[in-house]
């Protein structure tokens, strides 16, 4: 894949240092641009690779491995997807999105770890509770959730994407209970339970002193004002959206190839950096039926501010698994699901080579696949040392 004409690393090298000096940033926000700046340059060292099929040779510089770096996430996504292959079942999968109201987003902005964690827990409990209810499905489903905190314009817009199995294990674990074709669970029921669970958890966090209220939010430190602020949200409709089901495991893999390990903006959306202004592509999803690509130009300082507000706290997990896909019991329960479905699931899933080719078509070519012949795998034949002080940092981007 050819390198984009403009990369996020170019913007960071051009004006990142002055921005960091002029603004008070968290430790994580300082580390991210520094990592992006040297990613896949000789500063981090590297190695020489050779294809085992056609003998094609290339130099591969090491990645920064920062989860906010657009160049690193393609490789991490490929590894994650190969692991998920073994967990997919030959059933329908549904995509459910939980979005926080703007009033809650205002509270989440200065409290990302606390509020985002509540978002994960409330959404998971909502799906598991409604799915276990005999009036709806009466089964233990399996799903994973992916946190996104941005909109296409890079403004703060926290929401959770859940990929959910279209059915689950019966309470006695003796049979598989499937959803009705094309229908998962009633969205209005999901929305109202999610609203109640989230607000209860938020009030509990407030009573324990886990929330901060800087600037214009300072008055909400008073219990009365906080309760008054939340009151209108108890009767408003919260947005929970269930998209049409995927056609099967292969379609799920295609979707995940585009969605997992995504960051606030990818390099291919960047158009220009001129006179201290950054131009990028975006889609306005509020314009129903007219979601055509548009362009936006921002001062480089504002562009960096918008990008850095999506840096997640240290060790915060953006992808989490629940139900029969929970980490502690995943392998055993997935195998049980396959037995109950009475299908050779492995025959319905893409092979490893198909997975690699699929990722290549999605613009996420795994590092192991030869870029020349597309058949062989690249093998390391030589190691290149990393940059060591006081030698000048080479720029080989």
Protein backbone atom coordinates (compact mmCIF):
# COMPACT_ATOMS: atom_id res chain seq x y z
CA UNK A 1 0.00 0.00 0.00
CA UNK A 2 1.51 3.39 -0.97
CA UNK A 3 2.20 5.84 1.81
CA UNK A 4 -0.39 8.67 2.08
CA UNK A 5 0.79 12.06 0.86
CA UNK A 6 0.18 13.51 4.33
CA UNK A 7 0.41 11.64 7.63
CA UNK A 8 -0.46 12.55 11.19
CA UNK A 9 3.25 12.21 11.96
CA UNK A 10 3.99 15.04 9.49
CA UNK A 11 1.60 17.36 11.34
CA UNK A 12 3.13 16.42 14.70
CA UNK A 13 6.67 17.04 13.42
CA UNK A 14 5.68 20.38 11.91
CA UNK A 15 3.85 21.96 14.84
CA UNK A 16 3.55 19.42 17.63
CA UNK A 17 6.46 20.68 19.74
CA UNK A 18 5.17 24.27 19.91
CA UNK A 19 1.69 23.01 20.83
CA UNK A 20 3.02 20.84 23.66
CA UNK A 21 5.05 23.74 25.04
CA UNK A 22 2.09 26.12 24.99
CA UNK A 23 -0.50 23.84 26.63
CA UNK A 24 -0.79 21.92 29.87
CA UNK A 25 -1.20 18.30 28.77
CA UNK A 26 -1.49 15.07 30.68
CA UNK A 27 1.36 12.59 30.70
CA UNK A 28 -0.49 10.39 28.22
CA UNK A 29 -1.21 13.33 25.90
CA UNK A 30 2.49 14.16 25.89
CA UNK A 31 3.56 10.60 25.13
CA UNK A 32 1.21 10.06 22.17
CA UNK A 33 2.55 12.71 19.74
CA UNK A 34 6.14 11.86 20.64
CA UNK A 35 5.50 8.23 19.81
CA UNK A 36 3.74 9.07 16.53
CA UNK A 37 6.62 11.35 15.55
CA UNK A 38 9.25 8.59 15.54
CA UNK A 39 7.04 5.65 14.55
CA UNK A 40 8.57 3.51 11.80
CA UNK A 41 11.70 5.60 11.51
CA UNK A 42 15.31 4.61 12.11
CA UNK A 43 15.01 6.25 15.54
CA UNK A 44 13.32 3.07 16.82
CA UNK A 45 15.51 0.62 14.94
CA UNK A 46 14.15 -2.11 12.72
CA UNK A 47 15.00 -5.17 10.69
CA UNK A 48 15.43 -6.47 7.15
CA UNK A 49 12.75 -8.88 5.88
CA UNK A 50 12.74 -11.27 2.95
CA UNK A 51 9.86 -13.09 1.29
CA UNK A 52 10.10 -16.87 1.45
CA UNK A 53 8.35 -17.19 -1.94
CA UNK A 54 9.83 -14.55 -4.27
CA UNK A 55 12.87 -13.35 -2.23
CA UNK A 56 11.59 -9.77 -2.19
CA UNK A 57 13.55 -7.78 0.45
CA UNK A 58 12.56 -4.67 2.38
CA UNK A 59 13.58 -2.66 5.44
CA UNK A 60 10.94 -2.50 8.14
CA UNK A 61 11.46 0.07 10.89
CA UNK A 62 9.95 -0.66 14.28
CA UNK A 63 6.57 0.70 15.28
CA UNK A 64 5.95 2.85 18.34
CA UNK A 65 3.12 0.42 19.29
CA UNK A 66 1.09 3.28 20.70
CA UNK A 67 -2.62 2.53 20.38
CA UNK A 68 -3.35 6.06 19.15
CA UNK A 69 -0.92 5.82 16.23
CA UNK A 70 -2.63 5.36 12.82
CA UNK A 71 0.30 3.38 11.40
CA UNK A 72 0.52 0.92 14.29
CA UNK A 73 -3.14 0.00 14.50
CA UNK A 74 -3.26 -1.86 11.18
CA UNK A 75 -0.81 -4.47 12.44
CA UNK A 76 -2.48 -4.75 15.84
CA UNK A 77 -5.86 -5.07 14.16
CA UNK A 78 -4.61 -7.94 11.98
CA UNK A 79 -3.35 -9.84 15.04
CA UNK A 80 -6.58 -9.24 16.95
CA UNK A 81 -8.75 -10.36 14.04
CA UNK A 82 -6.80 -13.59 13.61
CA UNK A 83 -7.47 -14.33 17.28
CA UNK A 84 -11.19 -13.58 16.85
CA UNK A 85 -11.47 -16.02 13.93
CA UNK A 86 -11.51 -18.98 16.29
CA UNK A 87 -14.38 -17.47 18.31
CA UNK A 88 -16.87 -16.73 15.53
CA UNK A 89 -19.94 -18.95 15.27
CA UNK A 90 -22.09 -19.77 12.20
CA UNK A 91 -24.94 -17.50 13.33
CA UNK A 92 -26.23 -14.00 12.66
CA UNK A 93 -24.39 -11.18 14.42
CA UNK A 94 -25.92 -7.84 15.34
CA UNK A 95 -24.37 -4.39 15.71
CA UNK A 96 -25.82 -2.38 18.63
CA UNK A 97 -24.69 1.19 19.37
CA UNK A 98 -25.11 2.92 22.76
CA UNK A 99 -24.71 6.71 22.61
CA UNK A 100 -24.45 9.08 25.59
CA UNK A 101 -26.61 12.24 25.61
CA UNK A 102 -24.78 15.54 25.25
CA UNK A 103 -25.43 16.41 28.91
CA UNK A 104 -23.68 13.22 30.02
CA UNK A 105 -20.86 13.78 27.54
CA UNK A 106 -20.16 17.10 29.31
CA UNK A 107 -19.61 15.16 32.53
CA UNK A 108 -17.57 12.45 30.79
CA UNK A 109 -15.11 14.89 29.24
CA UNK A 110 -13.28 15.73 32.51
CA UNK A 111 -13.93 12.21 33.90
CA UNK A 112 -13.12 9.84 31.02
CA UNK A 113 -12.01 6.79 33.00
CA UNK A 114 -14.94 6.85 35.44
CA UNK A 115 -17.74 7.66 32.99
CA UNK A 116 -16.48 5.47 30.15
CA UNK A 117 -16.23 2.55 32.57
CA UNK A 118 -19.85 3.17 33.60
CA UNK A 119 -20.80 3.20 29.91
CA UNK A 120 -19.23 -0.24 29.41
CA UNK A 121 -20.85 -1.73 32.52
CA UNK A 122 -24.32 -0.26 31.91
CA UNK A 123 -24.41 -1.34 28.26
CA UNK A 124 -23.18 -4.86 29.09
CA UNK A 125 -25.67 -5.32 31.93
CA UNK A 126 -28.46 -4.04 29.66
CA UNK A 127 -27.73 -6.55 26.89
CA UNK A 128 -27.20 -9.49 29.25
CA UNK A 129 -30.30 -8.73 31.34
CA UNK A 130 -32.73 -8.31 28.43
CA UNK A 131 -31.29 -11.32 26.59
CA UNK A 132 -31.67 -13.55 29.68
CA UNK A 133 -35.30 -12.50 30.13
CA UNK A 134 -37.55 -15.39 28.96
CA UNK A 135 -39.99 -12.82 27.54
CA UNK A 136 -37.36 -11.82 25.00
CA UNK A 137 -34.65 -14.41 24.32
CA UNK A 138 -34.01 -16.35 27.51
CA UNK A 139 -30.35 -17.05 26.76
CA UNK A 140 -26.81 -16.02 27.62
CA UNK A 141 -25.44 -14.12 24.63
CA UNK A 142 -21.81 -13.37 23.81
CA UNK A 143 -20.52 -10.01 22.59
CA UNK A 144 -17.68 -7.54 22.70
CA UNK A 145 -17.84 -3.76 22.99
CA UNK A 146 -15.61 -1.13 21.38
CA UNK A 147 -15.42 2.42 22.73
CA UNK A 148 -15.25 5.36 20.32
CA UNK A 149 -15.10 8.89 21.74
CA UNK A 150 -15.10 10.89 18.50
CA UNK A 151 -17.32 12.00 15.68
CA UNK A 152 -16.15 12.56 12.11
CA UNK A 153 -15.37 16.20 12.95
CA UNK A 154 -13.08 15.03 15.83
CA UNK A 155 -15.33 16.58 18.48
CA UNK A 156 -16.06 14.63 21.65
CA UNK A 157 -18.86 12.11 21.03
CA UNK A 158 -18.62 9.05 23.32
CA UNK A 159 -20.47 5.95 22.14
CA UNK A 160 -20.12 2.18 22.36
CA UNK A 161 -20.25 -0.30 19.47
CA UNK A 162 -21.32 -3.82 20.43
CA UNK A 163 -21.08 -6.84 18.13
CA UNK A 164 -23.55 -9.38 19.54
CA UNK A 165 -24.25 -13.00 18.70
CA UNK A 166 -27.76 -13.63 17.35
CA UNK A 167 -28.60 -16.10 20.08
CA UNK A 168 -27.02 -17.76 23.08
CA UNK A 169 -26.84 -20.60 25.55
CA UNK A 170 -29.96 -21.75 27.36
CA UNK A 171 -29.93 -21.46 31.19
CA UNK A 172 -29.28 -25.21 31.54
CA UNK A 173 -26.46 -25.04 28.91
CA UNK A 174 -28.10 -27.91 26.99
CA UNK A 175 -29.22 -26.07 23.86
CA UNK A 176 -28.66 -23.04 21.66
CA UNK A 177 -31.46 -20.47 21.53
CA UNK A 178 -31.41 -18.38 18.37
CA UNK A 179 -32.96 -14.98 17.70
CA UNK A 180 -35.73 -14.47 15.22
CA UNK A 181 -34.22 -13.97 11.78
CA UNK A 182 -33.24 -10.34 11.34
CA UNK A 183 -34.39 -9.30 14.83
CA UNK A 184 -32.29 -9.08 17.98
CA UNK A 185 -33.96 -7.38 20.97
CA UNK A 186 -36.45 -4.47 21.25
CA UNK A 187 -34.50 -1.23 21.05
CA UNK A 188 -36.86 0.79 23.26
CA UNK A 189 -36.54 -1.76 26.08
CA UNK A 190 -32.75 -1.68 25.73
CA UNK A 191 -32.71 2.12 25.74
CA UNK A 192 -34.77 2.54 28.91
CA UNK A 193 -32.93 -0.07 30.93
CA UNK A 194 -29.59 1.38 29.77
CA UNK A 195 -30.72 4.86 30.85
CA UNK A 196 -31.72 3.65 34.32
CA UNK A 197 -28.58 1.57 34.91
CA UNK A 198 -26.28 4.32 33.70
CA UNK A 199 -27.83 7.06 35.84
CA UNK A 200 -27.82 4.82 38.92
CA UNK A 201 -24.12 4.07 38.43
CA UNK A 202 -23.35 7.75 37.78
CA UNK A 203 -25.08 8.80 41.00
CA UNK A 204 -23.14 6.16 42.91
CA UNK A 205 -19.86 7.48 41.46
CA UNK A 206 -20.90 11.00 42.51
CA UNK A 207 -21.68 9.93 46.07
CA UNK A 208 -18.25 8.27 46.32
CA UNK A 209 -16.49 11.44 45.15
CA UNK A 210 -15.20 9.82 41.94
CA UNK A 211 -16.27 12.69 39.66
CA UNK A 212 -14.58 16.04 39.09
CA UNK A 213 -16.37 19.24 38.07
CA UNK A 214 -13.90 21.81 36.69
CA UNK A 215 -14.73 25.20 35.20
CA UNK A 216 -18.38 25.75 34.27
CA UNK A 217 -19.36 22.44 35.87
CA UNK A 218 -18.18 23.51 39.32
CA UNK A 219 -21.69 24.19 40.65
CA UNK A 220 -22.59 20.51 40.05
CA UNK A 221 -20.45 19.55 43.03
CA UNK A 222 -23.49 20.37 45.15
CA UNK A 223 -25.75 17.28 45.48
CA UNK A 224 -28.90 19.32 44.84
CA UNK A 225 -27.56 20.88 41.66
CA UNK A 226 -26.25 17.52 40.44
CA UNK A 227 -29.66 15.88 40.98
CA UNK A 228 -31.36 18.80 39.23
CA UNK A 229 -28.96 18.45 36.28
CA UNK A 230 -29.79 14.75 35.85
CA UNK A 231 -33.55 15.07 36.35
CA UNK A 232 -34.50 15.88 32.71
CA UNK A 233 -32.38 12.93 31.50
CA UNK A 234 -34.59 10.44 33.34
CA UNK A 235 -37.48 11.12 30.96
CA UNK A 236 -35.61 11.77 27.71
CA UNK A 237 -35.05 9.08 25.10
CA UNK A 238 -31.47 7.80 25.00
CA UNK A 239 -30.15 6.64 21.66
CA UNK A 240 -29.64 2.89 21.34
CA UNK A 241 -29.43 1.79 17.72
CA UNK A 242 -29.55 -1.82 16.47
CA UNK A 243 -28.33 -2.11 12.90
CA UNK A 244 -29.43 -4.89 10.52
CA UNK A 245 -27.64 -8.20 11.17
CA UNK A 246 -24.46 -9.26 9.46
CA UNK A 247 -24.84 -12.08 6.96
CA UNK A 248 -22.46 -14.41 8.77
CA UNK A 249 -18.97 -14.79 10.25
CA UNK A 250 -17.17 -13.60 7.10
CA UNK A 251 -19.22 -10.38 7.04
CA UNK A 252 -18.46 -9.87 10.73
CA UNK A 253 -14.76 -10.18 9.97
CA UNK A 254 -15.09 -7.62 7.16
CA UNK A 255 -16.84 -5.21 9.51
CA UNK A 256 -14.31 -5.67 12.29
CA UNK A 257 -11.51 -5.10 9.80
CA UNK A 258 -12.80 -1.56 9.38
CA UNK A 259 -13.88 -0.84 12.95
CA UNK A 260 -11.56 -2.33 15.57
CA UNK A 261 -8.43 -0.48 16.64
CA UNK A 262 -9.73 2.62 14.88
CA UNK A 263 -8.41 5.97 16.12
CA UNK A 264 -9.91 9.45 15.95
CA UNK A 265 -8.57 10.10 12.45
CA UNK A 266 -6.70 7.95 9.94
CA UNK A 267 -3.96 9.13 7.61
CA UNK A 268 -6.06 8.61 4.49
CA UNK A 269 -8.51 11.31 5.66
CA UNK A 270 -5.79 13.96 5.84
CA UNK A 271 -5.66 16.19 2.75
CA UNK A 272 -3.32 19.12 3.34
CA UNK A 273 -1.15 21.05 5.80
CA UNK A 274 -0.67 24.60 4.53
CA UNK A 275 0.00 27.89 6.32
CA UNK A 276 -0.67 26.34 9.71
CA UNK A 277 -4.05 24.95 8.59
CA UNK A 278 -5.00 21.26 8.43
CA UNK A 279 -7.60 20.08 5.92
CA UNK A 280 -9.26 16.68 6.26
CA UNK A 281 -12.28 14.72 5.02
CA UNK A 282 -15.32 14.05 7.15
CA UNK A 283 -18.95 12.93 6.89
CA UNK A 284 -21.86 14.72 8.53
CA UNK A 285 -24.14 11.89 9.66
CA UNK A 286 -26.76 14.36 10.84
CA UNK A 287 -27.59 15.10 7.20
CA UNK A 288 -29.80 12.09 6.60
CA UNK A 289 -29.64 10.78 3.07
CA UNK A 290 -26.79 13.19 2.22
CA UNK A 291 -23.82 11.66 3.98
CA UNK A 292 -21.36 12.69 1.29
CA UNK A 293 -17.73 13.33 2.10
CA UNK A 294 -17.00 16.92 2.98
CA UNK A 295 -13.82 18.78 3.86
CA UNK A 296 -12.99 20.74 7.00
CA UNK A 297 -10.06 23.09 7.58
CA UNK A 298 -8.87 23.84 11.10
CA UNK A 299 -5.87 25.69 12.55
CA UNK A 300 -3.17 23.13 13.34
CA UNK A 301 -3.46 24.00 17.03
CA UNK A 302 -7.21 23.25 17.09
CA UNK A 303 -6.68 20.07 15.06
CA UNK A 304 -4.16 18.81 17.61
CA UNK A 305 -6.45 19.76 20.49
CA UNK A 306 -9.31 17.76 18.99
CA UNK A 307 -7.06 14.77 18.34
CA UNK A 308 -5.56 14.73 21.83
CA UNK A 309 -8.90 14.87 23.67
CA UNK A 310 -9.43 11.28 22.46
CA UNK A 311 -6.31 9.93 24.16
CA UNK A 312 -7.59 7.31 26.58
CA UNK A 313 -6.24 7.02 30.13
CA UNK A 314 -3.31 4.70 30.79
CA UNK A 315 -4.26 0.99 30.83
CA UNK A 316 -7.89 1.74 29.97
CA UNK A 317 -9.33 -1.11 27.87
CA UNK A 318 -11.24 0.11 24.81
CA UNK A 319 -12.34 -3.42 23.77
CA UNK A 320 -14.09 -5.65 26.31
CA UNK A 321 -15.77 -9.07 26.10
CA UNK A 322 -18.92 -10.26 27.86
CA UNK A 323 -21.29 -13.20 28.19
CA UNK A 324 -19.97 -16.48 26.84
CA UNK A 325 -17.10 -14.47 25.28
CA UNK A 326 -15.88 -13.22 28.68
CA UNK A 327 -12.17 -13.87 29.03
CA UNK A 328 -12.41 -16.24 32.01
CA UNK A 329 -14.58 -18.82 30.22
CA UNK A 330 -14.41 -17.99 26.53
CA UNK A 331 -12.67 -21.09 25.17
CA UNK A 332 -14.87 -23.58 27.02
CA UNK A 333 -18.17 -21.86 26.25
CA UNK A 334 -17.39 -21.18 22.58
CA UNK A 335 -16.64 -24.87 22.12
CA UNK A 336 -19.93 -25.72 23.83
CA UNK A 337 -21.80 -23.33 21.51
CA UNK A 338 -20.32 -25.05 18.48
CA UNK A 339 -21.37 -28.46 19.73
CA UNK A 340 -24.92 -27.27 20.36
CA UNK A 341 -25.13 -25.62 16.95
CA UNK A 342 -24.19 -29.00 15.41
CA UNK A 343 -22.10 -27.33 12.70
CA UNK A 344 -18.47 -27.53 11.81
CA UNK A 345 -17.91 -23.86 12.39
CA UNK A 346 -14.36 -23.96 11.10
CA UNK A 347 -15.68 -24.83 7.64
CA UNK A 348 -17.75 -21.65 7.62
CA UNK A 349 -14.94 -19.35 8.69
CA UNK A 350 -12.26 -17.92 6.40
CA UNK A 351 -8.86 -19.60 6.46
CA UNK A 352 -5.81 -17.73 7.68
CA UNK A 353 -4.72 -16.85 4.13
CA UNK A 354 -8.22 -15.59 3.32
CA UNK A 355 -8.06 -13.45 6.44
CA UNK A 356 -4.78 -11.88 5.31
CA UNK A 357 -6.12 -11.15 1.83
CA UNK A 358 -9.31 -9.71 3.30
CA UNK A 359 -7.32 -7.32 5.49
CA UNK A 360 -5.27 -6.29 2.47
CA UNK A 361 -8.45 -5.38 0.58
CA UNK A 362 -9.62 -3.38 3.58
CA UNK A 363 -6.46 -1.31 3.45
CA UNK A 364 -4.89 -3.05 6.43
CA UNK A 365 -2.25 -5.27 4.87
CA UNK A 366 -0.72 -7.47 7.58
CA UNK A 367 3.03 -7.14 7.86
CA UNK A 368 3.50 -10.89 7.34
CA UNK A 369 2.16 -10.90 3.75
CA UNK A 370 4.59 -10.12 0.94
CA UNK A 371 3.60 -6.82 -0.75
CA UNK A 372 5.08 -7.95 -4.09
CA UNK A 373 3.80 -11.46 -4.76
CA UNK A 374 1.01 -11.59 -2.16
CA UNK A 375 1.76 -15.28 -1.57
CA UNK A 376 4.81 -15.65 0.65
CA UNK A 377 5.36 -14.39 4.17
CA UNK A 378 8.06 -11.94 5.11
CA UNK A 379 10.79 -13.43 7.33
CA UNK A 380 13.30 -11.44 9.38
CA UNK A 381 16.89 -11.91 8.20
CA UNK A 382 18.73 -8.99 9.87
CA UNK A 383 18.23 -6.63 12.82
CA UNK A 384 18.91 -2.88 12.66
CA UNK A 385 19.91 -1.14 15.93
CA UNK A 386 17.77 1.64 17.41
CA UNK A 387 18.90 5.25 17.67
CA UNK A 388 21.11 6.01 20.66
CA UNK A 389 21.82 9.41 22.20
CA UNK A 390 23.72 11.69 21.45
CA UNK A 391 23.62 10.87 17.73
CA UNK A 392 21.10 13.07 15.84
CA UNK A 393 17.73 11.48 15.35
CA UNK A 394 17.44 10.36 11.71
CA UNK A 395 14.21 11.11 9.88
CA UNK A 396 13.52 8.19 7.57
CA UNK A 397 9.73 8.49 7.51
